[in-house]
Amino acid sequence: MAEKGVHPPVTWAQRKDLIFITIEVSDVQKSPTIILEDQKLIFKGKGGVENLTYEVEMEFHSEISQPESKFKVRPRNVEFALKKKQPGNYWPRLLKDTTKQHWLKVDFQRWRDEDDEEDEEDPRELDQMLKDMGGINDGLPDMNDINNEESSDSDDDDMPDLEEDKGTTEEAKDS
């Protein structure tokens, strides 16, 4: 009877055109079994502190481009960068199966929402857009000049010294 492998912890994140998957198994032996298909990933390898056999099979929500996808076996994990067959569409989940998998977590260090990616566009585009708008600051004072001007704000006036209550000080001297 074949030994059934332990399910390794897996994290994932996505971009418009990529899926990142990390299988968290350290010290994977020299030749883990990795099978990558258009809609499936199979991993089997020995590693970890206890040198256990780890095994995972994932059927993806949508297709990937297997020839354009890559993986790297590292000392602490196995990382995948999978090219989506249809870039631009965010997947609602990694797996075809809709049930929650206890071993699968979101990689928040790599995760980008669709809205976040739009924010990461080239900042020079925003600068160019502001230049094209032209005259937006016409009639407004320069911010550096505002900070250097003396203000006539009444809050900045000197406050009078507090007067001592004569009764309280005399009582303190007597005791």
Protein backbone atom coordinates (compact mmCIF):
# COMPACT_ATOMS: atom_id res chain seq x y z
CA MET A 1 0.00 0.00 0.00
CA ALA A 2 1.42 3.42 -1.02
CA GLU A 3 2.12 5.96 1.69
CA LYS A 4 -0.24 8.95 1.55
CA GLY A 5 1.62 12.26 1.84
CA VAL A 6 0.94 15.04 4.30
CA HIS A 7 -0.72 18.17 2.90
CA PRO A 8 1.79 21.05 2.99
CA PRO A 9 0.78 24.63 3.79
CA VAL A 10 0.25 26.61 0.57
CA THR A 11 -0.05 30.37 0.03
CA TRP A 12 -1.18 32.17 -3.09
CA ALA A 13 -1.60 35.65 -4.55
CA GLN A 14 -2.50 37.04 -7.95
CA ARG A 15 -1.98 39.87 -10.40
CA LYS A 16 -3.79 40.63 -13.64
CA ASP A 17 -1.58 38.19 -15.54
CA LEU A 18 0.04 35.97 -12.87
CA ILE A 19 -0.75 33.57 -10.06
CA PHE A 20 1.89 33.17 -7.33
CA ILE A 21 1.88 29.91 -5.36
CA THR A 22 4.27 29.01 -2.55
CA ILE A 23 4.40 25.49 -1.14
CA GLU A 24 5.84 25.85 2.37
CA VAL A 25 8.11 22.81 2.69
CA SER A 26 11.73 23.31 3.70
CA ASP A 27 14.67 21.18 2.58
CA VAL A 28 12.79 19.41 -0.21
CA GLN A 29 14.90 16.48 -1.42
CA LYS A 30 16.75 16.89 -4.69
CA SER A 31 14.01 15.81 -7.06
CA PRO A 32 10.45 16.54 -5.96
CA THR A 33 7.72 15.47 -8.37
CA ILE A 34 6.14 18.56 -9.93
CA ILE A 35 3.55 18.19 -12.65
CA LEU A 36 2.14 21.40 -14.10
CA GLU A 37 -0.80 21.24 -16.49
CA ASP A 38 -3.09 23.93 -17.92
CA GLN A 39 -5.55 23.52 -15.08
CA LYS A 40 -3.70 21.48 -12.47
CA LEU A 41 -0.62 21.43 -10.25
CA ILE A 42 0.66 18.26 -8.60
CA PHE A 43 3.48 18.35 -6.05
CA LYS A 44 5.07 15.48 -4.15
CA GLY A 45 8.34 15.67 -2.24
CA LYS A 46 10.16 14.74 0.96
CA GLY A 47 11.32 17.48 3.27
CA GLY A 48 10.77 19.45 6.41
CA VAL A 49 12.31 18.88 9.83
CA GLU A 50 10.83 15.38 10.08
CA ASN A 51 11.63 14.47 6.44
CA LEU A 52 7.98 13.65 5.72
CA THR A 53 6.45 13.03 2.31
CA TYR A 54 4.34 16.05 1.33
CA GLU A 55 1.73 15.88 -1.38
CA VAL A 56 -0.76 18.32 -2.88
CA GLU A 57 -2.94 18.33 -6.00
CA MET A 58 -4.67 21.55 -6.99
CA GLU A 59 -7.21 21.95 -9.76
CA PHE A 60 -7.24 25.63 -10.72
CA HIS A 61 -10.29 27.84 -11.09
CA SER A 62 -9.20 28.81 -14.62
CA GLU A 63 -6.49 27.82 -17.05
CA ILE A 64 -2.85 28.83 -16.95
CA SER A 65 -0.32 28.90 -19.76
CA GLN A 66 1.88 25.96 -18.77
CA PRO A 67 4.80 26.72 -21.16
CA GLU A 68 5.09 30.33 -19.85
CA SER A 69 4.86 29.35 -16.17
CA LYS A 70 7.91 28.80 -13.95
CA PHE A 71 8.85 27.31 -10.60
CA LYS A 72 11.89 27.33 -8.34
CA VAL A 73 12.78 24.87 -5.57
CA ARG A 74 14.30 26.96 -2.78
CA PRO A 75 15.77 25.90 0.59
CA ARG A 76 12.64 26.93 2.54
CA ASN A 77 9.87 26.44 -0.03
CA VAL A 78 8.87 25.86 -3.65
CA GLU A 79 7.69 28.97 -5.51
CA PHE A 80 5.58 29.11 -8.64
CA ALA A 81 4.84 32.01 -10.99
CA LEU A 82 1.99 30.82 -13.20
CA LYS A 83 1.02 32.83 -16.27
CA LYS A 84 -2.77 33.16 -16.68
CA LYS A 85 -4.08 32.03 -20.03
CA GLN A 86 -6.51 34.97 -20.01
CA PRO A 87 -4.71 37.93 -18.38
CA GLY A 88 -6.65 40.84 -16.96
CA ASN A 89 -9.33 38.78 -15.23
CA TYR A 90 -8.95 38.28 -11.50
CA TRP A 91 -9.98 34.85 -10.31
CA PRO A 92 -12.51 34.82 -7.47
CA ARG A 93 -10.51 31.94 -5.89
CA LEU A 94 -7.50 29.77 -6.73
CA LEU A 95 -9.22 26.40 -6.85
CA LYS A 96 -12.13 25.09 -8.86
CA ASP A 97 -13.53 23.57 -5.64
CA THR A 98 -15.51 26.16 -3.68
CA THR A 99 -15.02 24.57 -0.24
CA LYS A 100 -12.53 26.16 2.19
CA GLN A 101 -9.20 24.34 2.31
CA HIS A 102 -7.45 24.55 5.70
CA TRP A 103 -4.01 24.25 4.07
CA LEU A 104 -4.52 27.11 1.57
CA LYS A 105 -3.99 30.74 2.65
CA VAL A 106 -3.65 34.12 0.95
CA ASP A 107 -0.10 35.48 0.63
CA PHE A 108 -0.79 39.05 1.76
CA GLN A 109 2.80 40.18 1.09
CA ARG A 110 2.29 39.54 -2.62
CA TRP A 111 -1.44 40.13 -2.88
CA ARG A 112 -2.74 43.06 -4.96
CA ASP A 113 -6.41 43.87 -5.41
CA GLU A 114 -7.63 44.90 -8.81
CA ASP A 115 -7.99 48.48 -7.48
CA ASP A 116 -4.44 48.43 -6.05
CA GLU A 117 -2.92 47.57 -9.41
CA GLU A 118 -4.49 50.64 -10.97
CA ASP A 119 -2.84 52.73 -8.22
CA GLU A 120 0.54 51.20 -9.10
CA GLU A 121 0.49 52.60 -12.61
CA ASP A 122 3.41 54.77 -13.67
CA PRO A 123 3.40 57.92 -11.45
CA ARG A 124 4.70 59.95 -14.40
CA GLU A 125 1.25 59.58 -15.97
CA LEU A 126 -0.27 61.54 -13.06
CA ASP A 127 2.41 64.24 -13.38
CA GLN A 128 1.71 64.54 -17.10
CA MET A 129 -2.03 64.74 -16.47
CA LEU A 130 -1.51 67.60 -13.97
CA LYS A 131 0.71 69.44 -16.44
CA ASP A 132 -1.93 69.01 -19.16
CA MET A 133 -4.57 70.53 -16.87
CA GLY A 134 -2.41 73.70 -16.66
CA GLY A 135 -3.18 76.77 -14.59
CA ILE A 136 -4.60 74.79 -11.68
CA ASN A 137 -2.59 76.89 -9.18
CA ASP A 138 -3.24 80.25 -10.85
CA GLY A 139 -4.26 82.81 -8.25
CA LEU A 140 -3.25 80.64 -5.27
CA PRO A 141 -0.26 81.56 -3.11
CA ASP A 142 2.83 79.37 -3.14
CA MET A 143 2.75 76.99 -0.14
CA ASN A 144 6.32 77.94 0.81
CA ASP A 145 5.28 81.59 1.06
CA ILE A 146 2.39 80.75 3.38
CA ASN A 147 4.68 79.04 5.90
CA ASN A 148 7.14 81.99 5.94
CA GLU A 149 4.60 84.77 6.43
CA GLU A 150 3.87 86.09 9.89
CA SER A 151 0.37 85.31 10.83
CA SER A 152 -1.97 87.67 12.63
CA ASP A 153 -3.71 84.82 14.37
CA SER A 154 -4.95 85.83 17.85
CA ASP A 155 -3.99 82.39 19.24
CA ASP A 156 -0.33 83.32 18.90
CA ASP A 157 -0.57 86.36 21.25
CA ASP A 158 1.33 86.15 24.53
CA MET A 159 -0.77 84.98 27.41
CA PRO A 160 -0.61 86.85 30.75
CA ASP A 161 1.15 85.16 33.66
CA LEU A 162 -1.03 83.35 36.13
CA GLU A 163 -1.52 85.22 39.37
CA GLU A 164 -0.95 83.41 42.60
CA ASP A 165 -3.86 83.10 44.98
CA LYS A 166 -2.52 84.92 48.05
CA GLY A 167 -4.67 82.95 50.49
CA THR A 168 -3.34 79.60 49.31
CA THR A 169 0.33 80.61 49.51
CA GLU A 170 0.01 82.03 53.03
CA GLU A 171 -1.70 78.84 54.24
CA ALA A 172 1.12 76.75 52.72
CA LYS A 173 3.73 78.88 54.55
CA ASP A 174 2.00 78.45 57.93
CA SER A 175 2.00 74.64 57.80
